[in-house]
C-alpha atoms as a PDB file:
ATOM      1  CA  MET A   1    -200.946  20.247  27.480  1.00  0.00           C
ATOM      2  CA  THR A   2    -197.740  21.329  25.972  1.00  0.00           C
ATOM      3  CA  GLU A   3    -194.649  19.136  25.462  1.00  0.00           C
ATOM      4  CA  GLN A   4    -192.842  21.069  28.201  1.00  0.00           C
ATOM      5  CA  GLU A   5    -195.655  20.283  30.652  1.00  0.00           C
ATOM      6  CA  ILE A   6    -195.612  16.635  29.517  1.00  0.00           C
ATOM      7  CA  GLY A   7    -191.869  16.520  30.157  1.00  0.00           C
ATOM      8  CA  ARG A   8    -192.241  18.100  33.654  1.00  0.00           C
ATOM      9  CA  PHE A   9    -195.001  15.620  34.548  1.00  0.00           C
ATOM     10  CA  LYS A  10    -192.829  12.632  33.308  1.00  0.00           C
ATOM     11  CA  SER A  11    -190.155  13.858  35.389  1.00  0.00           C
ATOM     12  CA  MET A  12    -192.312  14.089  38.370  1.00  0.00           C
ATOM     13  CA  LEU A  13    -193.726  10.632  37.819  1.00  0.00           C
ATOM     14  CA  LEU A  14    -190.245   9.046  37.452  1.00  0.00           C
ATOM     15  CA  ASP A  15    -189.012  10.697  40.534  1.00  0.00           C
ATOM     16  CA  GLU A  16    -192.214   9.634  42.508  1.00  0.00           C
ATOM     17  CA  ARG A  17    -191.781   6.038  41.139  1.00  0.00           C
ATOM     18  CA  ARG A  18    -188.118   5.862  42.371  1.00  0.00           C
ATOM     19  CA  ARG A  19    -189.083   7.216  45.724  1.00  0.00           C
ATOM     20  CA  VAL A  20    -192.172   4.820  46.226  1.00  0.00           C
ATOM     21  CA  LEU A  21    -190.067   1.845  44.905  1.00  0.00           C
ATOM     22  CA  ASP A  22    -187.312   2.815  47.414  1.00  0.00           C
ATOM     23  CA  ASP A  23    -189.677   3.142  50.232  1.00  0.00           C
ATOM     24  CA  ARG A  24    -191.388  -0.095  49.463  1.00  0.00           C
ATOM     25  CA  ASN A  25    -188.104  -2.088  49.138  1.00  0.00           C
ATOM     26  CA  LYS A  26    -186.943  -0.530  52.342  1.00  0.00           C
ATOM     27  CA  TYR A  27    -190.097  -1.059  54.209  1.00  0.00           C
ATOM     28  CA  ALA A  28    -190.488  -4.720  52.952  1.00  0.00           C
ATOM     29  CA  SER A  29    -186.916  -5.626  54.116  1.00  0.00           C
ATOM     30  CA  ASP A  30    -187.348  -3.889  57.359  1.00  0.00           C
ATOM     31  CA  THR A  31    -190.754  -5.650  58.169  1.00  0.00           C
ATOM     32  CA  ARG A  32    -190.392  -9.040  56.471  1.00  0.00           C
ATOM     33  CA  THR A  33    -188.458 -10.326  59.629  1.00  0.00           C
ATOM     34  CA  ALA A  34    -189.224  -7.776  62.147  1.00  0.00           C
ATOM     35  CA  THR A  35    -192.101  -8.730  64.629  1.00  0.00           C
ATOM     36  CA  ILE A  36    -192.875  -7.594  68.108  1.00  0.00           C
ATOM     37  CA  SER A  37    -191.219 -10.696  69.199  1.00  0.00           C
ATOM     38  CA  ASP A  38    -188.023  -9.485  67.810  1.00  0.00           C
ATOM     39  CA  GLU A  39    -188.233  -6.458  69.858  1.00  0.00           C
ATOM     40  CA  TYR A  40    -189.052  -8.061  73.044  1.00  0.00           C
ATOM     41  CA  ASN A  41    -187.443 -11.492  72.702  1.00  0.00           C
ATOM     42  CA  GLU A  42    -184.916 -10.765  75.451  1.00  0.00           C
ATOM     43  CA  SER A  43    -187.563  -9.026  77.535  1.00  0.00           C
ATOM     44  CA  ALA A  44    -189.380 -10.861  80.346  1.00  0.00           C
ATOM     45  CA  ASP A  45    -192.484  -9.045  79.130  1.00  0.00           C
ATOM     46  CA  TYR A  46    -192.708 -10.931  75.843  1.00  0.00           C
ATOM     47  CA  ASP A  47    -194.228 -14.429  75.921  1.00  0.00           C
ATOM     48  CA  PRO A  48    -194.510 -16.105  72.406  1.00  0.00           C
ATOM     49  CA  ASN A  49    -197.292 -18.375  73.743  1.00  0.00           C
ATOM     50  CA  ASP A  50    -199.375 -15.364  75.046  1.00  0.00           C
ATOM     51  CA  PRO A  51    -202.378 -14.570  72.817  1.00  0.00           C
ATOM     52  CA  ALA A  52    -201.862 -10.814  73.230  1.00  0.00           C
ATOM     53  CA  ASP A  53    -198.270 -10.968  72.101  1.00  0.00           C
ATOM     54  CA  GLU A  54    -199.279 -13.255  69.214  1.00  0.00           C
ATOM     55  CA  GLY A  55    -201.977 -10.772  68.269  1.00  0.00           C
ATOM     56  CA  ALA A  56    -199.597  -7.931  68.207  1.00  0.00           C
ATOM     57  CA  ASP A  57    -197.351  -9.921  65.904  1.00  0.00           C
ATOM     58  CA  LEU A  58    -200.350 -10.624  63.615  1.00  0.00           C
ATOM     59  CA  TYR A  59    -201.391  -6.948  63.674  1.00  0.00           C
ATOM     60  CA  ASP A  60    -197.753  -5.884  62.622  1.00  0.00           C
ATOM     61  CA  ARG A  61    -197.643  -8.337  59.827  1.00  0.00           C
ATOM     62  CA  ASP A  62    -201.182  -7.271  58.619  1.00  0.00           C
ATOM     63  CA  ARG A  63    -200.275  -3.599  58.705  1.00  0.00           C
ATOM     64  CA  SER A  64    -197.138  -4.391  56.819  1.00  0.00           C
ATOM     65  CA  VAL A  65    -198.937  -6.301  54.165  1.00  0.00           C
ATOM     66  CA  ALA A  66    -201.603  -3.394  53.845  1.00  0.00           C
ATOM     67  CA  ALA A  67    -198.823  -0.786  53.466  1.00  0.00           C
ATOM     68  CA  GLU A  68    -196.943  -2.844  50.712  1.00  0.00           C
ATOM     69  CA  GLU A  69    -200.241  -3.348  48.818  1.00  0.00           C
ATOM     70  CA  ASN A  70    -200.824   0.417  48.885  1.00  0.00           C
ATOM     71  CA  MET A  71    -197.423   1.139  47.651  1.00  0.00           C
ATOM     72  CA  ASP A  72    -197.976  -1.439  44.958  1.00  0.00           C
ATOM     73  CA  ARG A  73    -201.263   0.204  43.850  1.00  0.00           C
ATOM     74  CA  ILE A  74    -199.481   3.610  43.549  1.00  0.00           C
ATOM     75  CA  LEU A  75    -196.705   2.202  41.422  1.00  0.00           C
ATOM     76  CA  GLY A  76    -199.307   0.703  39.242  1.00  0.00           C
ATOM     77  CA  LYS A  77    -200.909   3.978  38.822  1.00  0.00           C
ATOM     78  CA  ILE A  78    -197.594   5.754  38.100  1.00  0.00           C
ATOM     79  CA  ASP A  79    -196.809   3.146  35.535  1.00  0.00           C
ATOM     80  CA  ARG A  80    -200.229   3.569  34.000  1.00  0.00           C
ATOM     81  CA  ALA A  81    -199.591   7.499  33.949  1.00  0.00           C
ATOM     82  CA  LEU A  82    -196.290   6.941  32.159  1.00  0.00           C
ATOM     83  CA  GLN A  83    -197.825   4.518  29.670  1.00  0.00           C
ATOM     84  CA  LYS A  84    -200.395   7.248  28.915  1.00  0.00           C
ATOM     85  CA  ILE A  85    -197.683   9.841  28.238  1.00  0.00           C
ATOM     86  CA  ASP A  86    -196.197   7.309  25.699  1.00  0.00           C
ATOM     87  CA  GLU A  87    -199.664   6.732  24.187  1.00  0.00           C
ATOM     88  CA  GLY A  88    -200.337  10.529  24.012  1.00  0.00           C
ATOM     89  CA  THR A  89    -203.377  10.326  26.341  1.00  0.00           C
ATOM     90  CA  TYR A  90    -201.792  11.636  29.556  1.00  0.00           C
ATOM     91  CA  GLY A  91    -204.094  14.111  31.368  1.00  0.00           C
ATOM     92  CA  MET A  92    -207.260  12.299  30.078  1.00  0.00           C
ATOM     93  CA  SER A  93    -209.542  10.264  32.341  1.00  0.00           C
ATOM     94  CA  ASP A  94    -209.319   6.507  31.879  1.00  0.00           C
ATOM     95  CA  ILE A  95    -213.054   6.319  32.383  1.00  0.00           C
ATOM     96  CA  ASP A  96    -214.278   8.695  29.655  1.00  0.00           C
ATOM     97  CA  GLY A  97    -211.412  10.402  28.190  1.00  0.00           C
ATOM     98  CA  LYS A  98    -212.297  13.900  29.321  1.00  0.00           C
ATOM     99  CA  PRO A  99    -209.452  16.123  30.604  1.00  0.00           C
ATOM    100  CA  ILE A 100    -208.272  15.773  34.174  1.00  0.00           C
ATOM    101  CA  PRO A 101    -207.777  19.317  35.637  1.00  0.00           C
ATOM    102  CA  ILE A 102    -204.198  20.375  35.623  1.00  0.00           C
ATOM    103  CA  GLU A 103    -204.555  21.371  39.279  1.00  0.00           C
ATOM    104  CA  ARG A 104    -205.236  17.751  40.150  1.00  0.00           C
ATOM    105  CA  LEU A 105    -202.266  16.476  38.199  1.00  0.00           C
ATOM    106  CA  GLU A 106    -200.046  19.059  39.901  1.00  0.00           C
ATOM    107  CA  VAL A 107    -201.028  17.482  43.269  1.00  0.00           C
ATOM    108  CA  LEU A 108    -201.237  13.855  41.975  1.00  0.00           C
ATOM    109  CA  PRO A 109    -199.521  13.465  38.901  1.00  0.00           C
ATOM    110  CA  TYR A 110    -200.540   9.694  38.677  1.00  0.00           C
ATOM    111  CA  ALA A 111    -204.127  10.632  38.776  1.00  0.00           C
ATOM    112  CA  LEU A 112    -206.026   8.575  36.278  1.00  0.00           C
ATOM    113  CA  THR A 113    -209.505  10.003  36.823  1.00  0.00           C
ATOM    114  CA  THR A 114    -211.164  13.270  37.821  1.00  0.00           C
ATOM    115  CA  VAL A 115    -212.079  13.801  41.593  1.00  0.00           C
ATOM    116  CA  GLU A 116    -215.752  13.323  40.840  1.00  0.00           C
ATOM    117  CA  GLN A 117    -215.094  10.078  39.053  1.00  0.00           C
ATOM    118  CA  GLU A 118    -212.762   8.962  41.894  1.00  0.00           C
ATOM    119  CA  GLU A 119    -215.513   9.645  44.582  1.00  0.00           C
ATOM    120  CA  ARG A 120    -218.067   7.661  42.592  1.00  0.00           C
ATOM    121  CA  MET A 121    -215.666   4.593  42.354  1.00  0.00           C
END
């Protein structure tokens, strides 16, 4: 991979890192305090003692935690890809050191493995 290509991928990774971090921070602040009870607390339809309403609150919190965890995993992969650029190993699989096809990196610049390796994991 040429230095120009590496620079382009680094720029893509930094842009993606900023975007995901912004989304994660916004999502976390929006969902940390919001629950279904907030939406309906003035509504006669919401009963904080109703198991269905409590279940909806729990579902919303679980979904929020899962989304934040996914964004954290992506940030970890982006950080690893940036580290690999610094190490001079970007574009090589973390599993066996074989090249990751450029087409895969174009779609997913923080890919750390080949498609085949990812499918096996």
